[in-house]
Each structure stands twice: as structure tokens, then as C-alpha cells.
């Protein structure tokens, strides 16, 4: 499996996954031209993308969707509740388990202020962003995967003391908001196992977080320090290509 986060943050999120000659994007929250450019840098033709999995319909996760899907006739996987906000033709509804060409996908609910989902691909990659918490009932299925792309959105103290108005702060730290560094590291310490090779800390706030704080919180958990590679995903700087 090959994985590369092309963009991650409050201004746009896109992740590329390839396995068994199948190519998938998880979210497409950057403009179509940006996604085309980053795929081209990888020698990937945008026409070769087989499907796009959407986590939820906030702009930073679907900004480039309409243009890309219409231009390349890409199949788009969404929930029935997302239909009113996604105007493309080639739609498939997500199911708890499904196979997209050669890639097996498990779908689970996340907790955001819109209908939202996380994904497990090939029982190897876990993708979780934009959630206020992760339900305990999913813990067993999320354990001991090879790659975790996990939201580590904000530092609690920076958020409390930062410039956001109080109602926005409440939204971010609520059960339908975003994972803090502390919560992210706590969840990962439960999930990481002997099979885990790479952790990507994603969706860092440019205002309420620092890469150093996210890493520090992650490393405070003994289990997390066993991971050989930890990557910080950035807004307009794709990660290295991850291969497992």
C-alpha cells in the first residue's frame, strides 16, 4: 500500500491511497488544479483515480470535489445525508463494509457537527479526522493497524487563550468538534500495536497548535514511542510517500 497526504489542515484536506492497482482519494478539500498538480508530481494521472471517499461535507473536505468528479467522471462515495450538498452524478452510498475494486473499506461513524465518517482501508490504514471523540465500540476494530492518519487538531491551552470567539472555542472542544493533541495521543496509545509502522498527525490548526506540541503530546505516551515513524501533515506541503 502507498499513502500520501497531499494537504491537511483547516484550508483543505486530501489523501492519496494506492493498493492492488486501485487508486483512491480520501476527501478532496483543495482546488482541483492543486490536486492535479500534486498527483502529477507523483506521476499519477488524475484520470486514474478510481474513487473518492468523503468524510463529511465541510468545505475544507470537498472544495475541489465537484470540478474533479465532473472532469474525470470519478466515482464518489458518500452517505445519503450528504446528497443535498454534493452535486455530482457518479455517486455510490457508503456501507459498513465495501470493496472498491481491489481495496476493502470499513466505514465507521465519527462525531462532528455534520454527518461524518472515518475509514479503514485494507485492514491496514486508519483515517480519522474531524471528530470530537471516538466511540469505544470501535476500539477493537481500530487496533494494531499499519498506518494511522489521526487528527491532532489543537493544543487545549492555545485554544483557550487564543483569538477565537468563545462560541467557536466551544465548538472546537465539544464532543462534535475536533480532537486535541491530548485526546489524539490518548487514542493512539490504545490503538498502536506491533503491526503499526507509521503515524501521521493530521489536521493541525494553524492558530491553535504547533507541530512541536503535537509531537510532544504524542511522545508522552509510552506505547506511542514504539512507532518507528511519525509524520506531521501540513497544509500545502505533501508528506513523503508512505509504503507498507
C-alpha atoms as a PDB file:
ATOM      1  CA  UNK A   1       0.000   0.000   0.000  1.00  0.00           C
ATOM      2  CA  UNK A   2       1.134   3.524  -0.862  1.00  0.00           C
ATOM      3  CA  UNK A   3      -0.219   6.541   1.015  1.00  0.00           C
ATOM      4  CA  UNK A   4       0.495  10.246   0.714  1.00  0.00           C
ATOM      5  CA  UNK A   5      -1.285  13.133   2.423  1.00  0.00           C
ATOM      6  CA  UNK A   6      -1.412  15.854  -0.223  1.00  0.00           C
ATOM      7  CA  UNK A   7      -2.822  18.533   2.088  1.00  0.00           C
ATOM      8  CA  UNK A   8      -4.068  18.647   5.663  1.00  0.00           C
ATOM      9  CA  UNK A   9      -5.480  21.498   7.712  1.00  0.00           C
ATOM     10  CA  UNK A  10      -8.384  23.899   8.065  1.00  0.00           C
ATOM     11  CA  UNK A  11      -7.934  25.176   4.479  1.00  0.00           C
ATOM     12  CA  UNK A  12      -8.149  21.792   2.757  1.00  0.00           C
ATOM     13  CA  UNK A  13      -7.598  18.057   3.113  1.00  0.00           C
ATOM     14  CA  UNK A  14      -6.682  15.420   0.501  1.00  0.00           C
ATOM     15  CA  UNK A  15      -5.077  11.993   0.914  1.00  0.00           C
ATOM     16  CA  UNK A  16      -3.949   9.613  -1.847  1.00  0.00           C
ATOM     17  CA  UNK A  17      -4.052   5.830  -1.381  1.00  0.00           C
ATOM     18  CA  UNK A  18      -2.953   3.150  -3.846  1.00  0.00           C
ATOM     19  CA  UNK A  19      -3.136  -0.635  -3.496  1.00  0.00           C
ATOM     20  CA  UNK A  20      -3.790  -3.553  -5.851  1.00  0.00           C
ATOM     21  CA  UNK A  21      -3.693  -1.138  -8.828  1.00  0.00           C
ATOM     22  CA  UNK A  22      -6.608   0.785  -7.288  1.00  0.00           C
ATOM     23  CA  UNK A  23      -6.247   4.489  -6.557  1.00  0.00           C
ATOM     24  CA  UNK A  24      -8.442   6.364  -4.100  1.00  0.00           C
ATOM     25  CA  UNK A  25      -8.598   9.878  -2.705  1.00  0.00           C
ATOM     26  CA  UNK A  26      -9.904  10.401   0.800  1.00  0.00           C
ATOM     27  CA  UNK A  27     -11.557  13.825   0.685  1.00  0.00           C
ATOM     28  CA  UNK A  28     -10.732  16.493  -1.863  1.00  0.00           C
ATOM     29  CA  UNK A  29     -10.781  19.771   0.022  1.00  0.00           C
ATOM     30  CA  UNK A  30      -8.256  21.603  -2.148  1.00  0.00           C
ATOM     31  CA  UNK A  31      -8.947  23.098  -5.561  1.00  0.00           C
ATOM     32  CA  UNK A  32      -8.922  20.678  -8.476  1.00  0.00           C
ATOM     33  CA  UNK A  33      -5.826  22.275 -10.020  1.00  0.00           C
ATOM     34  CA  UNK A  34      -3.875  21.779  -6.778  1.00  0.00           C
ATOM     35  CA  UNK A  35      -4.822  18.104  -6.629  1.00  0.00           C
ATOM     36  CA  UNK A  36      -3.937  17.598 -10.306  1.00  0.00           C
ATOM     37  CA  UNK A  37      -0.554  19.234  -9.747  1.00  0.00           C
ATOM     38  CA  UNK A  38       0.303  17.132  -6.692  1.00  0.00           C
ATOM     39  CA  UNK A  39      -0.784  13.922  -8.422  1.00  0.00           C
ATOM     40  CA  UNK A  40       1.309  14.830 -11.478  1.00  0.00           C
ATOM     41  CA  UNK A  41       4.350  15.297  -9.219  1.00  0.00           C
ATOM     42  CA  UNK A  42       3.830  11.648  -8.228  1.00  0.00           C
ATOM     43  CA  UNK A  43       3.485  10.573 -11.889  1.00  0.00           C
ATOM     44  CA  UNK A  44      -0.171   9.789 -11.226  1.00  0.00           C
ATOM     45  CA  UNK A  45      -2.705  10.722 -13.908  1.00  0.00           C
ATOM     46  CA  UNK A  46      -5.789  12.296 -12.323  1.00  0.00           C
ATOM     47  CA  UNK A  47      -7.899  10.192 -14.727  1.00  0.00           C
ATOM     48  CA  UNK A  48      -6.603   7.061 -12.999  1.00  0.00           C
ATOM     49  CA  UNK A  49      -8.271   7.858  -9.669  1.00  0.00           C
ATOM     50  CA  UNK A  50     -10.906   5.167  -9.210  1.00  0.00           C
ATOM     51  CA  UNK A  51     -12.889   6.699  -6.358  1.00  0.00           C
ATOM     52  CA  UNK A  52     -13.161   9.497  -3.813  1.00  0.00           C
ATOM     53  CA  UNK A  53     -14.223   8.744  -0.249  1.00  0.00           C
ATOM     54  CA  UNK A  54     -15.802  11.722   1.512  1.00  0.00           C
ATOM     55  CA  UNK A  55     -15.595  12.000   5.305  1.00  0.00           C
ATOM     56  CA  UNK A  56     -18.062  14.914   5.543  1.00  0.00           C
ATOM     57  CA  UNK A  57     -19.240  17.957   3.604  1.00  0.00           C
ATOM     58  CA  UNK A  58     -17.390  20.881   5.162  1.00  0.00           C
ATOM     59  CA  UNK A  59     -15.652  22.997   2.528  1.00  0.00           C
ATOM     60  CA  UNK A  60     -12.140  22.002   3.574  1.00  0.00           C
ATOM     61  CA  UNK A  61     -13.017  18.411   2.638  1.00  0.00           C
ATOM     62  CA  UNK A  62     -14.979  18.868  -0.603  1.00  0.00           C
ATOM     63  CA  UNK A  63     -13.774  22.152  -2.151  1.00  0.00           C
ATOM     64  CA  UNK A  64     -12.360  20.502  -5.281  1.00  0.00           C
ATOM     65  CA  UNK A  65     -14.849  17.645  -5.495  1.00  0.00           C
ATOM     66  CA  UNK A  66     -17.384  18.977  -7.989  1.00  0.00           C
ATOM     67  CA  UNK A  67     -14.800  20.106 -10.538  1.00  0.00           C
ATOM     68  CA  UNK A  68     -12.657  16.969 -10.219  1.00  0.00           C
ATOM     69  CA  UNK A  69     -15.530  14.471 -10.270  1.00  0.00           C
ATOM     70  CA  UNK A  70     -17.225  16.093 -13.251  1.00  0.00           C
ATOM     71  CA  UNK A  71     -13.982  16.438 -15.197  1.00  0.00           C
ATOM     72  CA  UNK A  72     -12.813  12.858 -14.670  1.00  0.00           C
ATOM     73  CA  UNK A  73     -16.169  11.085 -14.053  1.00  0.00           C
ATOM     74  CA  UNK A  74     -14.742   9.745 -10.795  1.00  0.00           C
ATOM     75  CA  UNK A  75     -16.988   7.666  -8.565  1.00  0.00           C
ATOM     76  CA  UNK A  76     -17.775   9.444  -5.291  1.00  0.00           C
ATOM     77  CA  UNK A  77     -18.666   7.600  -2.095  1.00  0.00           C
ATOM     78  CA  UNK A  78     -20.915   9.488   0.329  1.00  0.00           C
ATOM     79  CA  UNK A  79     -23.723   8.910   2.839  1.00  0.00           C
ATOM     80  CA  UNK A  80     -27.389   9.542   1.892  1.00  0.00           C
ATOM     81  CA  UNK A  81     -27.417  12.601   4.183  1.00  0.00           C
ATOM     82  CA  UNK A  82     -24.657  14.229   2.127  1.00  0.00           C
ATOM     83  CA  UNK A  83     -26.584  14.157  -1.152  1.00  0.00           C
ATOM     84  CA  UNK A  84     -28.150  17.602  -0.765  1.00  0.00           C
ATOM     85  CA  UNK A  85     -24.680  19.185  -0.535  1.00  0.00           C
ATOM     86  CA  UNK A  86     -22.872  17.179  -3.219  1.00  0.00           C
ATOM     87  CA  UNK A  87     -23.904  17.796  -6.798  1.00  0.00           C
ATOM     88  CA  UNK A  88     -22.138  15.129  -8.836  1.00  0.00           C
ATOM     89  CA  UNK A  89     -23.526  12.298 -10.948  1.00  0.00           C
ATOM     90  CA  UNK A  90     -21.398   9.243 -10.223  1.00  0.00           C
ATOM     91  CA  UNK A  91     -22.411   8.604  -6.600  1.00  0.00           C
ATOM     92  CA  UNK A  92     -22.285   5.443  -4.512  1.00  0.00           C
ATOM     93  CA  UNK A  93     -23.581   5.250  -0.952  1.00  0.00           C
ATOM     94  CA  UNK A  94     -21.096   4.124   1.668  1.00  0.00           C
ATOM     95  CA  UNK A  95     -21.808   0.906   3.565  1.00  0.00           C
ATOM     96  CA  UNK A  96     -20.276  -0.515   6.729  1.00  0.00           C
ATOM     97  CA  UNK A  97     -18.070  -2.740   4.599  1.00  0.00           C
ATOM     98  CA  UNK A  98     -17.469  -2.466   0.877  1.00  0.00           C
ATOM     99  CA  UNK A  99     -14.864  -3.176  -1.773  1.00  0.00           C
ATOM    100  CA  UNK A 100     -13.719  -0.538  -4.245  1.00  0.00           C
ATOM    101  CA  UNK A 101     -12.024  -2.538  -6.991  1.00  0.00           C
ATOM    102  CA  UNK A 102      -9.102  -4.125  -5.110  1.00  0.00           C
ATOM    103  CA  UNK A 103      -9.444  -2.179  -1.860  1.00  0.00           C
ATOM    104  CA  UNK A 104     -11.564  -3.351   1.081  1.00  0.00           C
ATOM    105  CA  UNK A 105     -13.067  -0.483   3.056  1.00  0.00           C
ATOM    106  CA  UNK A 106     -14.614  -0.485   6.533  1.00  0.00           C
ATOM    107  CA  UNK A 107     -16.691   2.570   7.441  1.00  0.00           C
ATOM    108  CA  UNK A 108     -17.363   3.881  10.956  1.00  0.00           C
ATOM    109  CA  UNK A 109     -19.114   6.918  12.371  1.00  0.00           C
ATOM    110  CA  UNK A 110     -17.215   9.899  13.732  1.00  0.00           C
ATOM    111  CA  UNK A 111     -18.659  12.731  15.835  1.00  0.00           C
ATOM    112  CA  UNK A 112     -18.747  16.106  14.127  1.00  0.00           C
ATOM    113  CA  UNK A 113     -21.389  18.806  13.673  1.00  0.00           C
ATOM    114  CA  UNK A 114     -22.401  17.267  10.333  1.00  0.00           C
ATOM    115  CA  UNK A 115     -22.820  13.664   9.155  1.00  0.00           C
ATOM    116  CA  UNK A 116     -19.253  12.322   9.277  1.00  0.00           C
ATOM    117  CA  UNK A 117     -17.235   9.113   8.892  1.00  0.00           C
ATOM    118  CA  UNK A 118     -13.828   7.536   9.286  1.00  0.00           C
ATOM    119  CA  UNK A 119     -12.345   4.793   7.119  1.00  0.00           C
ATOM    120  CA  UNK A 120     -10.200   1.675   7.430  1.00  0.00           C
ATOM    121  CA  UNK A 121      -8.624   0.533   4.147  1.00  0.00           C
ATOM    122  CA  UNK A 122      -7.287  -2.986   3.574  1.00  0.00           C
ATOM    123  CA  UNK A 123      -7.333  -3.534   7.344  1.00  0.00           C
ATOM    124  CA  UNK A 124      -4.080  -1.532   7.252  1.00  0.00           C
ATOM    125  CA  UNK A 125      -4.822   2.202   7.107  1.00  0.00           C
ATOM    126  CA  UNK A 126      -6.983   4.063   9.626  1.00  0.00           C
ATOM    127  CA  UNK A 127      -8.155   7.546   8.645  1.00  0.00           C
ATOM    128  CA  UNK A 128      -9.778   9.704  11.354  1.00  0.00           C
ATOM    129  CA  UNK A 129     -10.181  13.476  11.278  1.00  0.00           C
ATOM    130  CA  UNK A 130     -12.847  15.987  12.338  1.00  0.00           C
ATOM    131  CA  UNK A 131     -14.294  14.240  15.344  1.00  0.00           C
ATOM    132  CA  UNK A 132     -14.883  15.269  18.933  1.00  0.00           C
ATOM    133  CA  UNK A 133     -14.295  11.745  20.185  1.00  0.00           C
ATOM    134  CA  UNK A 134     -14.003   8.137  19.027  1.00  0.00           C
ATOM    135  CA  UNK A 135     -16.675   5.769  20.270  1.00  0.00           C
ATOM    136  CA  UNK A 136     -15.378   2.921  22.447  1.00  0.00           C
ATOM    137  CA  UNK A 137     -17.355   0.418  20.393  1.00  0.00           C
ATOM    138  CA  UNK A 138     -14.902   0.921  17.525  1.00  0.00           C
ATOM    139  CA  UNK A 139     -11.733   0.403  19.577  1.00  0.00           C
ATOM    140  CA  UNK A 140     -11.224  -3.270  18.759  1.00  0.00           C
ATOM    141  CA  UNK A 141     -11.565  -2.748  15.010  1.00  0.00           C
ATOM    142  CA  UNK A 142      -9.160   0.213  15.093  1.00  0.00           C
ATOM    143  CA  UNK A 143      -6.332  -1.552  16.910  1.00  0.00           C
ATOM    144  CA  UNK A 144      -2.946  -2.633  15.574  1.00  0.00           C
ATOM    145  CA  UNK A 145      -3.119  -1.252  12.031  1.00  0.00           C
ATOM    146  CA  UNK A 146      -0.048  -0.404   9.948  1.00  0.00           C
ATOM    147  CA  UNK A 147      -0.786   3.288   9.327  1.00  0.00           C
ATOM    148  CA  UNK A 148      -2.793   5.817  11.320  1.00  0.00           C
ATOM    149  CA  UNK A 149      -3.743   9.190   9.904  1.00  0.00           C
ATOM    150  CA  UNK A 150      -5.185  10.785  13.019  1.00  0.00           C
ATOM    151  CA  UNK A 151      -6.398  14.279  13.750  1.00  0.00           C
ATOM    152  CA  UNK A 152      -4.344  16.206  16.299  1.00  0.00           C
ATOM    153  CA  UNK A 153      -6.116  19.496  15.826  1.00  0.00           C
ATOM    154  CA  UNK A 154      -5.361  21.775  18.739  1.00  0.00           C
ATOM    155  CA  UNK A 155      -3.450  22.356  21.916  1.00  0.00           C
ATOM    156  CA  UNK A 156      -6.017  22.908  24.663  1.00  0.00           C
ATOM    157  CA  UNK A 157      -4.167  25.810  26.293  1.00  0.00           C
ATOM    158  CA  UNK A 158      -3.536  27.576  22.973  1.00  0.00           C
ATOM    159  CA  UNK A 159      -7.217  27.229  22.093  1.00  0.00           C
ATOM    160  CA  UNK A 160      -8.343  28.558  25.483  1.00  0.00           C
ATOM    161  CA  UNK A 161      -6.025  31.562  25.317  1.00  0.00           C
ATOM    162  CA  UNK A 162      -6.267  32.137  21.570  1.00  0.00           C
ATOM    163  CA  UNK A 163      -8.212  34.633  19.441  1.00  0.00           C
ATOM    164  CA  UNK A 164     -11.290  32.519  18.648  1.00  0.00           C
ATOM    165  CA  UNK A 165     -14.591  33.867  19.997  1.00  0.00           C
ATOM    166  CA  UNK A 166     -15.964  31.787  22.867  1.00  0.00           C
ATOM    167  CA  UNK A 167     -18.715  30.128  20.817  1.00  0.00           C
ATOM    168  CA  UNK A 168     -16.123  28.882  18.304  1.00  0.00           C
ATOM    169  CA  UNK A 169     -13.865  27.608  21.071  1.00  0.00           C
ATOM    170  CA  UNK A 170     -16.850  25.709  22.457  1.00  0.00           C
ATOM    171  CA  UNK A 171     -17.468  24.148  19.050  1.00  0.00           C
ATOM    172  CA  UNK A 172     -13.859  23.013  18.658  1.00  0.00           C
ATOM    173  CA  UNK A 173     -13.543  21.349  22.076  1.00  0.00           C
ATOM    174  CA  UNK A 174     -17.053  19.905  22.114  1.00  0.00           C
ATOM    175  CA  UNK A 175     -17.945  16.241  21.520  1.00  0.00           C
ATOM    176  CA  UNK A 176     -18.834  17.247  17.937  1.00  0.00           C
ATOM    177  CA  UNK A 177     -15.692  19.260  17.294  1.00  0.00           C
ATOM    178  CA  UNK A 178     -12.058  18.217  16.915  1.00  0.00           C
ATOM    179  CA  UNK A 179      -9.534  16.046  18.728  1.00  0.00           C
ATOM    180  CA  UNK A 180      -6.963  17.885  20.811  1.00  0.00           C
ATOM    181  CA  UNK A 181      -3.329  16.774  20.895  1.00  0.00           C
ATOM    182  CA  UNK A 182      -4.021  15.167  24.265  1.00  0.00           C
ATOM    183  CA  UNK A 183      -7.052  13.203  23.068  1.00  0.00           C
ATOM    184  CA  UNK A 184      -5.343  12.148  19.845  1.00  0.00           C
ATOM    185  CA  UNK A 185      -2.286  10.823  21.670  1.00  0.00           C
ATOM    186  CA  UNK A 186      -4.508   9.008  24.183  1.00  0.00           C
ATOM    187  CA  UNK A 187      -6.493   7.254  21.469  1.00  0.00           C
ATOM    188  CA  UNK A 188      -3.364   6.328  19.546  1.00  0.00           C
ATOM    189  CA  UNK A 189      -1.808   4.819  22.655  1.00  0.00           C
ATOM    190  CA  UNK A 190      -4.772   2.423  22.760  1.00  0.00           C
ATOM    191  CA  UNK A 191      -4.664   1.613  19.039  1.00  0.00           C
ATOM    192  CA  UNK A 192      -0.956   1.278  18.257  1.00  0.00           C
ATOM    193  CA  UNK A 193       0.310  -2.312  18.158  1.00  0.00           C
ATOM    194  CA  UNK A 194       3.142  -4.481  16.889  1.00  0.00           C
ATOM    195  CA  UNK A 195       1.968  -4.049  13.281  1.00  0.00           C
ATOM    196  CA  UNK A 196       1.998  -0.256  13.437  1.00  0.00           C
ATOM    197  CA  UNK A 197       4.663   1.319  11.227  1.00  0.00           C
ATOM    198  CA  UNK A 198       3.634   4.943  10.645  1.00  0.00           C
ATOM    199  CA  UNK A 199       1.536   7.558  12.417  1.00  0.00           C
ATOM    200  CA  UNK A 200       0.557  10.762  10.637  1.00  0.00           C
ATOM    201  CA  UNK A 201      -0.686  13.572  12.886  1.00  0.00           C
ATOM    202  CA  UNK A 202      -3.153  15.491  10.737  1.00  0.00           C
ATOM    203  CA  UNK A 203      -5.466  18.495  10.556  1.00  0.00           C
ATOM    204  CA  UNK A 204      -3.315  20.658  12.855  1.00  0.00           C
ATOM    205  CA  UNK A 205      -4.787  24.102  13.457  1.00  0.00           C
ATOM    206  CA  UNK A 206      -2.584  26.915  12.202  1.00  0.00           C
ATOM    207  CA  UNK A 207      -3.859  29.151  15.022  1.00  0.00           C
ATOM    208  CA  UNK A 208      -4.357  26.813  17.968  1.00  0.00           C
ATOM    209  CA  UNK A 209      -1.486  24.348  17.623  1.00  0.00           C
ATOM    210  CA  UNK A 210       2.209  23.864  16.964  1.00  0.00           C
ATOM    211  CA  UNK A 211       3.898  20.844  15.440  1.00  0.00           C
ATOM    212  CA  UNK A 212       6.232  20.649  18.442  1.00  0.00           C
ATOM    213  CA  UNK A 213       3.287  20.499  20.858  1.00  0.00           C
ATOM    214  CA  UNK A 214       1.517  17.792  18.870  1.00  0.00           C
ATOM    215  CA  UNK A 215       4.713  15.684  18.813  1.00  0.00           C
ATOM    216  CA  UNK A 216       5.414  16.311  22.476  1.00  0.00           C
ATOM    217  CA  UNK A 217       1.937  15.162  23.487  1.00  0.00           C
ATOM    218  CA  UNK A 218       2.194  12.105  21.241  1.00  0.00           C
ATOM    219  CA  UNK A 219       5.549  11.088  22.704  1.00  0.00           C
ATOM    220  CA  UNK A 220       4.373  11.383  26.297  1.00  0.00           C
ATOM    221  CA  UNK A 221       2.579   8.053  25.892  1.00  0.00           C
ATOM    222  CA  UNK A 222       4.970   5.110  26.207  1.00  0.00           C
ATOM    223  CA  UNK A 223       3.108   2.993  23.637  1.00  0.00           C
ATOM    224  CA  UNK A 224       3.324   5.785  21.050  1.00  0.00           C
ATOM    225  CA  UNK A 225       7.112   5.970  21.292  1.00  0.00           C
ATOM    226  CA  UNK A 226       7.336   2.450  19.865  1.00  0.00           C
ATOM    227  CA  UNK A 227       6.321   3.696  16.416  1.00  0.00           C
ATOM    228  CA  UNK A 228       9.307   3.945  14.065  1.00  0.00           C
ATOM    229  CA  UNK A 229       7.995   6.881  12.003  1.00  0.00           C
ATOM    230  CA  UNK A 230       5.819   9.845  13.000  1.00  0.00           C
ATOM    231  CA  UNK A 231       4.905  12.420  10.353  1.00  0.00           C
ATOM    232  CA  UNK A 232       3.220  15.804  10.702  1.00  0.00           C
ATOM    233  CA  UNK A 233       0.851  16.520   7.807  1.00  0.00           C
ATOM    234  CA  UNK A 234       0.890  20.125   6.607  1.00  0.00           C
ATOM    235  CA  UNK A 235      -1.466  22.375   4.727  1.00  0.00           C
ATOM    236  CA  UNK A 236       0.310  22.855   1.390  1.00  0.00           C
ATOM    237  CA  UNK A 237       3.296  20.556   1.702  1.00  0.00           C
ATOM    238  CA  UNK A 238       2.539  16.903   0.900  1.00  0.00           C
ATOM    239  CA  UNK A 239       4.024  14.254   3.158  1.00  0.00           C
ATOM    240  CA  UNK A 240       6.582  11.785   1.930  1.00  0.00           C
ATOM    241  CA  UNK A 241       5.211   8.721   0.184  1.00  0.00           C
ATOM    242  CA  UNK A 242       4.425   6.088   2.809  1.00  0.00           C
ATOM    243  CA  UNK A 243       4.808   2.469   1.689  1.00  0.00           C
ATOM    244  CA  UNK A 244       3.895  -0.546   3.816  1.00  0.00           C
END
